[in-house]
Amino acid sequence: MKRVPTKLRLVSNSPLSPQESRSWHTFRLAADLVMDRVAGDIAARTELSGPDYAVLSRLVLLGHGEFRQHDLADSMRWDKSRLSHHLTKMEKRGFIERRREKKIVSVFVTKAGREAFANARPVQAEAVREHFVSKVGKADMKVLLEICERIQAFPEEEW
């Protein structure tokens, strides 16, 4: 879930330098390009959209078939409204089922959802290899992994 900082921690109040700006925009554009191409391959070759695949992968791989809706939103870094809207579409297509118990909504993958995910998984792997792995190379992949892990290691309150 996207979090809005309660107080902004400024490292500097000056605009980005040309190198910082170029690095930031290049990073964003490359990430968006790869994600769009992988999602496009999934959509073209399966019955799932990229976001469908993302939801099902979390349900199947992380949640063993179920997740509390609030926790699913957090794991996807989506706001609850976006997730709820998307789950409604997936529920109508028979991929997931939601159950409410008091104030807690749980999301369950259905048999159809498991089958769709299983069919899409090799497509996603092939697309990631084509649009990301083949473009980066082993040495750069290691560096990129170290950078991403360093960024993710910051405690939430430091964001």
Protein backbone atom coordinates (compact mmCIF):
# COMPACT_ATOMS: atom_id res chain seq x y z
CA MET A 1 0.00 0.00 0.00
CA LYS A 2 1.33 3.43 -0.83
CA ARG A 3 2.09 5.34 2.30
CA VAL A 4 1.95 9.09 2.59
CA PRO A 5 4.74 10.41 4.79
CA THR A 6 3.54 12.31 7.83
CA LYS A 7 6.59 14.51 7.77
CA LEU A 8 8.93 15.10 4.89
CA ARG A 9 12.56 14.43 5.60
CA LEU A 10 14.62 16.68 3.35
CA VAL A 11 18.13 15.63 2.49
CA SER A 12 18.51 18.81 0.48
CA ASN A 13 16.15 21.55 -0.61
CA SER A 14 17.88 22.05 -3.96
CA PRO A 15 16.51 20.59 -7.21
CA LEU A 16 17.94 17.36 -8.57
CA SER A 17 21.28 17.69 -10.30
CA PRO A 18 21.32 16.74 -13.98
CA GLN A 19 22.88 13.36 -13.11
CA GLU A 20 20.37 12.70 -10.30
CA SER A 21 17.49 13.66 -12.57
CA ARG A 22 18.74 11.52 -15.45
CA SER A 23 19.34 8.55 -13.12
CA TRP A 24 15.88 8.86 -11.56
CA HIS A 25 14.02 9.21 -14.86
CA THR A 26 16.02 6.45 -16.53
CA PHE A 27 15.30 4.11 -13.61
CA ARG A 28 11.56 4.90 -13.71
CA LEU A 29 11.27 4.57 -17.48
CA ALA A 30 13.22 1.28 -17.58
CA ALA A 31 11.17 -0.22 -14.74
CA ASP A 32 7.89 0.88 -16.33
CA LEU A 33 8.98 -0.44 -19.74
CA VAL A 34 9.89 -3.88 -18.39
CA MET A 35 6.73 -4.14 -16.27
CA ASP A 36 4.53 -3.07 -19.20
CA ARG A 37 6.13 -5.57 -21.57
CA VAL A 38 5.88 -8.46 -19.09
CA ALA A 39 2.23 -7.57 -18.33
CA GLY A 40 1.55 -7.26 -22.07
CA ASP A 41 2.95 -10.72 -22.76
CA ILE A 42 0.88 -12.21 -19.95
CA ALA A 43 -2.29 -10.53 -21.25
CA ALA A 44 -1.62 -11.53 -24.85
CA ARG A 45 -0.96 -15.19 -24.10
CA THR A 46 -3.21 -15.96 -21.14
CA GLU A 47 -6.61 -15.02 -19.78
CA LEU A 48 -4.98 -12.83 -17.11
CA SER A 49 -3.95 -9.19 -17.01
CA GLY A 50 -0.69 -8.17 -15.33
CA PRO A 51 -2.56 -7.07 -12.18
CA ASP A 52 -4.56 -10.35 -12.18
CA TYR A 53 -1.27 -12.25 -12.25
CA ALA A 54 0.14 -10.11 -9.43
CA VAL A 55 -2.88 -10.80 -7.20
CA LEU A 56 -2.92 -14.53 -7.93
CA SER A 57 0.83 -14.89 -7.44
CA ARG A 58 0.58 -13.39 -3.97
CA LEU A 59 -2.42 -15.51 -3.07
CA VAL A 60 -0.83 -18.75 -4.31
CA LEU A 61 2.85 -18.24 -3.51
CA LEU A 62 2.78 -16.06 -0.39
CA GLY A 63 -0.62 -16.73 1.12
CA HIS A 64 -1.00 -20.45 0.34
CA GLY A 65 -4.31 -19.66 -1.33
CA GLU A 66 -5.68 -16.97 0.98
CA PHE A 67 -4.91 -13.52 2.32
CA ARG A 68 -6.67 -10.93 4.41
CA GLN A 69 -7.67 -8.22 1.94
CA HIS A 70 -5.90 -5.51 3.97
CA ASP A 71 -2.65 -7.53 4.02
CA LEU A 72 -2.95 -8.27 0.31
CA ALA A 73 -3.23 -4.53 -0.40
CA ASP A 74 -0.14 -3.88 1.73
CA SER A 75 1.86 -6.62 0.01
CA MET A 76 0.99 -5.15 -3.40
CA ARG A 77 1.49 -1.57 -2.27
CA TRP A 78 -1.99 -0.74 -3.61
CA ASP A 79 -4.53 1.39 -1.81
CA LYS A 80 -7.55 -0.51 -0.53
CA SER A 81 -9.94 1.07 -3.05
CA ARG A 82 -7.84 0.02 -6.05
CA LEU A 83 -7.51 -3.52 -4.74
CA SER A 84 -11.20 -3.81 -3.88
CA HIS A 85 -12.19 -2.67 -7.38
CA HIS A 86 -9.79 -5.12 -9.00
CA LEU A 87 -10.90 -8.00 -6.77
CA THR A 88 -14.51 -7.35 -7.75
CA LYS A 89 -13.56 -7.88 -11.41
CA MET A 90 -11.57 -11.01 -10.58
CA GLU A 91 -14.42 -12.37 -8.47
CA LYS A 92 -16.86 -11.93 -11.38
CA ARG A 93 -14.47 -13.91 -13.58
CA GLY A 94 -14.29 -16.70 -10.99
CA PHE A 95 -10.58 -16.37 -10.08
CA ILE A 96 -11.05 -15.40 -6.45
CA GLU A 97 -13.68 -15.45 -3.74
CA ARG A 98 -14.06 -13.05 -0.82
CA ARG A 99 -15.48 -13.93 2.56
CA ARG A 100 -16.32 -11.48 5.32
CA GLU A 101 -16.09 -12.40 8.97
CA LYS A 102 -17.06 -9.44 11.15
CA LYS A 103 -14.82 -6.61 9.90
CA ILE A 104 -12.22 -8.84 8.26
CA VAL A 105 -12.41 -9.65 4.56
CA SER A 106 -10.39 -12.62 3.38
CA VAL A 107 -9.55 -13.35 -0.24
CA PHE A 108 -9.29 -16.94 -1.47
CA VAL A 109 -8.03 -18.23 -4.80
CA THR A 110 -10.51 -20.52 -6.56
CA LYS A 111 -9.74 -23.63 -8.60
CA ALA A 112 -10.14 -21.53 -11.76
CA GLY A 113 -7.73 -18.94 -10.32
CA ARG A 114 -5.13 -21.62 -9.52
CA GLU A 115 -5.41 -23.05 -13.02
CA ALA A 116 -5.13 -19.62 -14.66
CA PHE A 117 -2.09 -18.82 -12.52
CA ALA A 118 -0.46 -22.18 -13.30
CA ASN A 119 -0.99 -21.59 -17.04
CA ALA A 120 0.37 -18.03 -16.84
CA ARG A 121 3.41 -18.76 -14.70
CA PRO A 122 5.64 -20.07 -17.53
CA VAL A 123 4.55 -17.14 -19.72
CA GLN A 124 5.56 -14.70 -16.99
CA ALA A 125 8.93 -16.44 -16.52
CA GLU A 126 9.63 -16.34 -20.26
CA ALA A 127 8.63 -12.67 -20.43
CA VAL A 128 10.84 -11.71 -17.46
CA ARG A 129 13.77 -13.52 -19.07
CA GLU A 130 13.17 -11.86 -22.44
CA HIS A 131 12.49 -8.30 -21.28
CA PHE A 132 14.68 -8.11 -18.17
CA VAL A 133 17.20 -10.89 -17.53
CA SER A 134 18.54 -11.00 -21.10
CA LYS A 135 19.02 -7.23 -21.12
CA VAL A 136 20.88 -7.01 -17.80
CA GLY A 137 23.45 -9.82 -17.72
CA LYS A 138 24.79 -11.73 -14.71
CA ALA A 139 27.29 -9.16 -13.40
CA ASP A 140 24.88 -6.25 -13.63
CA MET A 141 22.08 -8.41 -12.20
CA LYS A 142 24.16 -8.91 -9.06
CA VAL A 143 24.78 -5.16 -8.72
CA LEU A 144 21.13 -4.35 -9.37
CA LEU A 145 20.03 -6.90 -6.77
CA GLU A 146 22.38 -5.38 -4.18
CA ILE A 147 21.06 -1.87 -4.89
CA CYS A 148 17.42 -2.95 -4.68
CA GLU A 149 17.98 -4.90 -1.47
CA ARG A 150 19.73 -1.88 0.06
CA ILE A 151 16.78 0.35 -0.81
CA GLN A 152 14.27 -2.17 0.57
CA ALA A 153 16.25 -2.54 3.81
CA PHE A 154 15.36 0.97 5.01
CA PRO A 155 12.83 0.86 7.83
CA GLU A 156 9.35 2.12 6.89
CA GLU A 157 9.65 5.12 9.19
CA GLU A 158 12.70 6.35 7.27
CA TRP A 159 10.70 6.63 4.08
